[in-house]
Protein backbone atom coordinates (compact mmCIF):
# COMPACT_ATOMS: atom_id res chain seq x y z
CA UNK A 1 22.36 68.64 -36.40
CA UNK A 2 25.87 68.13 -35.73
CA UNK A 3 25.08 64.41 -35.81
CA UNK A 4 22.97 64.38 -38.90
CA UNK A 5 25.37 65.82 -40.78
CA UNK A 6 28.63 63.88 -39.67
CA UNK A 7 25.68 60.50 -40.84
CA UNK A 8 25.53 61.88 -44.31
CA UNK A 9 29.07 63.06 -44.70
CA UNK A 10 31.51 61.61 -46.71
CA UNK A 11 34.14 60.38 -44.03
CA UNK A 12 31.15 58.41 -42.47
CA UNK A 13 30.56 56.36 -45.58
CA UNK A 14 34.17 55.67 -46.02
CA UNK A 15 34.64 54.45 -42.43
CA UNK A 16 31.25 52.11 -42.67
CA UNK A 17 32.85 50.80 -46.10
CA UNK A 18 36.35 50.52 -44.41
CA UNK A 19 34.47 48.46 -41.45
CA UNK A 20 33.22 45.86 -43.69
CA UNK A 21 36.02 45.20 -45.15
CA UNK A 22 37.80 44.47 -42.22
CA UNK A 23 34.93 42.21 -40.76
CA UNK A 24 34.79 40.23 -43.91
CA UNK A 25 38.17 39.51 -44.18
CA UNK A 26 38.07 38.38 -40.43
CA UNK A 27 35.08 36.51 -41.41
CA UNK A 28 36.84 35.02 -44.35
CA UNK A 29 40.12 34.30 -42.61
CA UNK A 30 38.12 32.74 -39.69
CA UNK A 31 36.64 30.21 -42.33
CA UNK A 32 39.89 29.46 -43.87
CA UNK A 33 42.01 28.86 -40.90
CA UNK A 34 38.57 26.12 -39.74
CA UNK A 35 38.19 24.53 -42.72
CA UNK A 36 42.48 23.50 -42.59
CA UNK A 37 42.11 23.07 -39.65
CA UNK A 38 39.19 20.04 -40.00
CA UNK A 39 39.94 19.55 -43.16
CA UNK A 40 36.80 20.39 -44.58
CA UNK A 41 36.16 18.46 -48.02
CA UNK A 42 38.62 16.40 -47.59
CA UNK A 43 37.31 12.61 -47.42
CA UNK A 44 38.73 9.14 -46.95
CA UNK A 45 36.96 5.32 -47.66
CA UNK A 46 36.16 3.99 -44.57
CA UNK A 47 38.62 0.43 -44.74
CA UNK A 48 37.40 -3.06 -44.33
CA UNK A 49 37.75 -3.89 -40.44
CA UNK A 50 35.46 -6.85 -39.85
CA UNK A 51 37.91 -10.14 -38.83
CA UNK A 52 40.61 -8.12 -37.57
CA UNK A 53 42.03 -7.19 -33.81
CA UNK A 54 41.84 -4.18 -32.02
CA UNK A 55 45.31 -3.92 -32.74
CA UNK A 56 45.30 -4.11 -36.08
CA UNK A 57 42.46 -1.78 -35.87
CA UNK A 58 44.28 1.36 -34.97
CA UNK A 59 47.06 0.98 -37.37
CA UNK A 60 44.78 0.97 -40.40
CA UNK A 61 42.91 4.12 -38.85
CA UNK A 62 45.42 5.52 -38.05
CA UNK A 63 46.82 6.04 -41.58
CA UNK A 64 43.39 6.71 -42.82
CA UNK A 65 42.72 9.36 -40.24
CA UNK A 66 40.28 7.55 -38.39
CA UNK A 67 39.43 6.73 -35.31
CA UNK A 68 37.12 4.14 -33.54
CA UNK A 69 35.08 3.60 -30.38
CA UNK A 70 33.53 -0.04 -29.72
CA UNK A 71 29.61 0.36 -28.73
CA UNK A 72 29.18 -3.68 -27.97
CA UNK A 73 30.00 -6.89 -28.02
CA UNK A 74 27.83 -9.12 -29.87
CA UNK A 75 26.72 -13.31 -28.87
CA UNK A 76 30.47 -15.32 -29.66
CA UNK A 77 31.05 -16.23 -32.92
CA UNK A 78 32.92 -19.53 -33.47
CA UNK A 79 34.40 -18.39 -36.49
CA UNK A 80 35.92 -14.95 -36.09
CA UNK A 81 38.83 -14.57 -34.04
CA UNK A 82 37.80 -13.85 -30.27
CA UNK A 83 38.11 -10.05 -29.91
CA UNK A 84 37.94 -9.39 -33.82
CA UNK A 85 35.26 -7.00 -35.37
CA UNK A 86 32.28 -7.93 -36.62
CA UNK A 87 30.69 -5.48 -37.53
CA UNK A 88 30.88 -1.68 -37.97
CA UNK A 89 29.68 1.84 -38.92
CA UNK A 90 30.19 2.51 -41.49
CA UNK A 91 30.61 -0.12 -43.38
CA UNK A 92 33.16 -0.80 -45.49
CA UNK A 93 33.18 1.40 -48.62
CA UNK A 94 31.68 4.54 -47.81
CA UNK A 95 33.12 8.14 -47.53
CA UNK A 96 33.68 9.80 -44.52
CA UNK A 97 35.69 12.95 -43.40
CA UNK A 98 38.68 11.97 -41.68
CA UNK A 99 38.57 12.20 -38.27
CA UNK A 100 35.61 10.63 -38.38
CA UNK A 101 34.96 8.10 -35.48
CA UNK A 102 33.75 4.86 -36.66
CA UNK A 103 31.54 2.70 -34.43
CA UNK A 104 32.59 -1.32 -33.88
CA UNK A 105 30.73 -4.29 -33.24
CA UNK A 106 33.48 -6.82 -31.60
CA UNK A 107 33.64 -10.58 -31.12
CA UNK A 108 33.94 -11.38 -27.30
CA UNK A 109 36.70 -12.92 -25.72
CA UNK A 110 35.14 -15.94 -24.07
CA UNK A 111 31.85 -17.01 -24.96
CA UNK A 112 29.05 -16.57 -22.27
CA UNK A 113 27.66 -18.93 -20.75
CA UNK A 114 24.17 -20.06 -19.91
CA UNK A 115 22.32 -22.32 -17.43
CA UNK A 116 21.19 -25.41 -18.57
CA UNK A 117 17.37 -25.88 -18.22
CA UNK A 118 15.54 -28.69 -16.58
CA UNK A 119 14.10 -30.79 -19.47
CA UNK A 120 13.16 -34.11 -17.97
CA UNK A 121 9.71 -35.75 -18.61
CA UNK A 122 9.60 -32.66 -21.00
CA UNK A 123 8.34 -33.90 -24.70
CA UNK A 124 11.09 -33.91 -27.36
CA UNK A 125 9.25 -30.96 -29.43
CA UNK A 126 9.45 -28.44 -25.93
CA UNK A 127 12.78 -29.95 -24.99
CA UNK A 128 14.47 -28.58 -28.65
CA UNK A 129 12.88 -25.07 -28.88
CA UNK A 130 14.21 -24.31 -25.04
CA UNK A 131 17.49 -25.37 -25.56
CA UNK A 132 17.66 -23.71 -28.69
CA UNK A 133 16.02 -20.37 -27.27
CA UNK A 134 18.63 -20.18 -24.85
CA UNK A 135 21.27 -20.66 -27.53
CA UNK A 136 22.47 -24.43 -27.32
CA UNK A 137 22.52 -26.92 -29.97
CA UNK A 138 21.15 -29.94 -30.06
CA UNK A 139 23.36 -33.07 -31.09
CA UNK A 140 22.29 -36.84 -31.46
CA UNK A 141 18.66 -37.93 -30.30
CA UNK A 142 19.21 -41.45 -28.44
CA UNK A 143 16.29 -43.57 -27.64
CA UNK A 144 15.49 -46.30 -25.17
CA UNK A 145 12.75 -48.60 -23.82
CA UNK A 146 11.36 -45.97 -21.83
CA UNK A 147 7.19 -46.02 -20.98
CA UNK A 148 6.98 -42.02 -22.13
CA UNK A 149 7.46 -42.09 -26.16
CA UNK A 150 9.28 -39.07 -27.31
CA UNK A 151 10.46 -37.88 -23.67
CA UNK A 152 12.98 -36.38 -22.32
CA UNK A 153 14.82 -39.46 -20.22
CA UNK A 154 18.49 -37.38 -19.31
CA UNK A 155 20.40 -34.72 -21.47
CA UNK A 156 24.44 -35.40 -21.99
CA UNK A 157 27.66 -34.29 -23.30
CA UNK A 158 29.62 -37.13 -24.84
CA UNK A 159 27.75 -39.31 -22.51
CA UNK A 160 28.16 -37.40 -19.56
CA UNK A 161 24.88 -36.35 -18.14
CA UNK A 162 24.16 -33.06 -17.12
CA UNK A 163 22.16 -31.60 -13.86
CA UNK A 164 19.62 -28.99 -15.40
CA UNK A 165 20.67 -25.57 -14.15
CA UNK A 166 24.64 -26.61 -15.39
CA UNK A 167 26.19 -23.66 -17.03
CA UNK A 168 27.69 -23.95 -20.37
CA UNK A 169 29.19 -22.30 -23.18
CA UNK A 170 26.58 -20.45 -24.96
CA UNK A 171 26.24 -22.83 -28.82
CA UNK A 172 27.17 -25.67 -26.78
CA UNK A 173 25.93 -29.35 -28.31
CA UNK A 174 24.12 -31.12 -26.05
CA UNK A 175 22.45 -34.96 -26.89
CA UNK A 176 19.13 -36.15 -25.66
CA UNK A 177 18.14 -39.27 -24.87
CA UNK A 178 14.24 -40.28 -25.56
CA UNK A 179 11.65 -42.44 -24.46
CA UNK A 180 10.81 -44.56 -27.60
CA UNK A 181 7.36 -45.56 -25.60
CA UNK A 182 6.52 -49.42 -24.47
CA UNK A 183 7.60 -52.66 -26.54
CA UNK A 184 4.25 -54.65 -27.47
CA UNK A 185 6.47 -57.54 -27.03
CA UNK A 186 6.37 -59.77 -23.44
CA UNK A 187 8.95 -60.28 -21.38
CA UNK A 188 10.23 -61.88 -18.41
CA UNK A 189 9.84 -59.72 -14.98
CA UNK A 190 13.53 -60.09 -14.40
CA UNK A 191 14.54 -61.20 -10.35
CA UNK A 192 16.16 -58.29 -8.50
CA UNK A 193 16.30 -59.59 -4.37
CA UNK A 194 19.55 -60.04 -3.36
CA UNK A 195 21.04 -57.17 -4.91
CA UNK A 196 21.92 -54.14 -4.25
CA UNK A 197 20.18 -51.26 -5.39
CA UNK A 198 23.46 -50.40 -7.60
CA UNK A 199 23.52 -53.68 -8.94
CA UNK A 200 19.80 -53.93 -9.52
CA UNK A 201 20.11 -50.55 -11.97
CA UNK A 202 23.00 -52.25 -13.79
CA UNK A 203 21.26 -54.75 -14.53
CA UNK A 204 17.56 -53.25 -15.08
CA UNK A 205 19.66 -51.18 -18.23
CA UNK A 206 21.50 -54.36 -19.62
CA UNK A 207 18.02 -55.78 -19.87
CA UNK A 208 15.85 -52.11 -21.31
CA UNK A 209 13.84 -52.09 -17.90
CA UNK A 210 14.04 -48.54 -15.89
CA UNK A 211 13.92 -47.57 -12.71
CA UNK A 212 11.00 -47.16 -10.92
CA UNK A 213 10.36 -46.00 -7.03
CA UNK A 214 12.89 -47.30 -4.25
CA UNK A 215 11.74 -47.68 -1.01
CA UNK A 216 14.45 -48.66 1.94
CA UNK A 217 12.97 -49.93 4.84
CA UNK A 218 12.82 -47.56 8.03
CA UNK A 219 15.61 -49.75 10.13
CA UNK A 220 17.77 -49.28 7.13
CA UNK A 221 21.35 -47.97 8.82
CA UNK A 222 23.75 -49.15 5.70
CA UNK A 223 22.12 -47.83 2.28
CA UNK A 224 24.89 -49.90 0.00
CA UNK A 225 24.73 -52.82 2.51
CA UNK A 226 20.75 -52.93 1.75
CA UNK A 227 19.39 -55.73 -1.16
CA UNK A 228 16.43 -55.97 -2.24
CA UNK A 229 13.73 -58.19 -1.02
CA UNK A 230 10.63 -56.92 -2.46
CA UNK A 231 10.23 -55.80 -6.38
CA UNK A 232 7.08 -54.55 -8.33
CA UNK A 233 6.16 -55.98 -10.99
CA UNK A 234 6.87 -59.62 -9.12
CA UNK A 235 9.33 -61.89 -11.01
CA UNK A 236 8.38 -64.03 -13.76
CA UNK A 237 9.80 -67.17 -15.61
CA UNK A 238 7.59 -66.35 -18.29
CA UNK A 239 7.14 -63.28 -20.27
CA UNK A 240 4.67 -60.69 -18.55
CA UNK A 241 5.54 -57.47 -18.90
CA UNK A 242 6.95 -55.33 -21.52
CA UNK A 243 10.18 -53.76 -21.65
CA UNK A 244 10.88 -50.56 -20.83
CA UNK A 245 8.80 -50.43 -17.72
CA UNK A 246 9.00 -49.14 -14.46
CA UNK A 247 10.38 -51.97 -11.87
CA UNK A 248 9.31 -50.01 -8.10
CA UNK A 249 11.91 -51.68 -5.63
CA UNK A 250 12.12 -52.71 -1.68
CA UNK A 251 15.44 -52.49 0.17
CA UNK A 252 16.48 -54.03 3.91
CA UNK A 253 19.57 -54.77 5.96
CA UNK A 254 17.25 -57.60 7.43
CA UNK A 255 17.65 -60.46 4.83
CA UNK A 256 15.72 -62.56 6.57
CA UNK A 257 12.58 -60.41 4.76
CA UNK A 258 14.14 -61.68 1.93
CA UNK A 259 12.00 -64.98 0.42
CA UNK A 260 13.78 -67.90 -0.55
CA UNK A 261 12.81 -68.75 -4.09
CA UNK A 262 13.72 -71.63 -5.93
CA UNK A 263 17.29 -72.25 -6.59
CA UNK A 264 16.55 -71.70 -10.53
CA UNK A 265 15.60 -68.25 -9.60
CA UNK A 266 18.71 -67.46 -6.83
CA UNK A 267 21.39 -68.64 -8.83
CA UNK A 268 20.37 -66.51 -12.34
CA UNK A 269 19.61 -63.30 -9.98
CA UNK A 270 22.52 -63.99 -6.70
CA UNK A 271 25.24 -61.66 -6.21
CA UNK A 272 28.16 -63.87 -7.52
CA UNK A 273 29.52 -64.08 -4.00
CA UNK A 274 25.71 -65.39 -2.45
CA UNK A 275 25.07 -67.42 -5.61
CA UNK A 276 28.23 -69.59 -5.08
CA UNK A 277 27.55 -70.02 -1.19
CA UNK A 278 23.95 -71.38 -1.98
CA UNK A 279 25.67 -74.25 -4.29
CA UNK A 280 27.62 -75.49 -1.65
């Protein structure tokens, strides 16, 4: 009964009202303090950070009371300085609260390197697709006599041949050497006997032929001194083969295997030292 009389008494209601007022005042004070601390309702324009170095980003965002975090390094873009911002979120011009963290994508400091795919004997279309899919740029398309039309014979950078698997910077420009197919014009089969492999290969290139198979005799001990004693197709004085044809060679250290052809053949094909000896 005493409890019931207290609950319905004027004193209880006065205390209840006072408690409500105190609680409301505390909540208001807490909310005001949080708003003041977090600067609730205060917004700033997001500055344009594209192209800026990270040191410049720090200075610029410090003035705006904004923070940043690097979320990604994109593929290397040569149009931007290394390490510069190339994308941001939120974008420039948006309004955000102070203290907001901006997400930045930067340009790598060094281009990523990728392996050159094996393109030899692939078609031009396939080679271009393989190169571009890996981020390479196609440079010149050079055509030379070769039996395969539009078939890749060599891959170069500034006349330097490249091996498959060579690691190059992404975006590197490479040139393709392609076959133009066999010419319809018949020419003489070159005379290559008495030549070293290096001499024969240079001789073929100068006359728009290609080196085919190279076979050494079993007893060859010094390949640098080995000379051509047989070739296919055989040498001819009359036009008989097409430009771009491959010529197969057999080499030996046993010079007695080399056929003594006509003097006319020998003087046009022998190394200078041997040719001079033959005319004495």
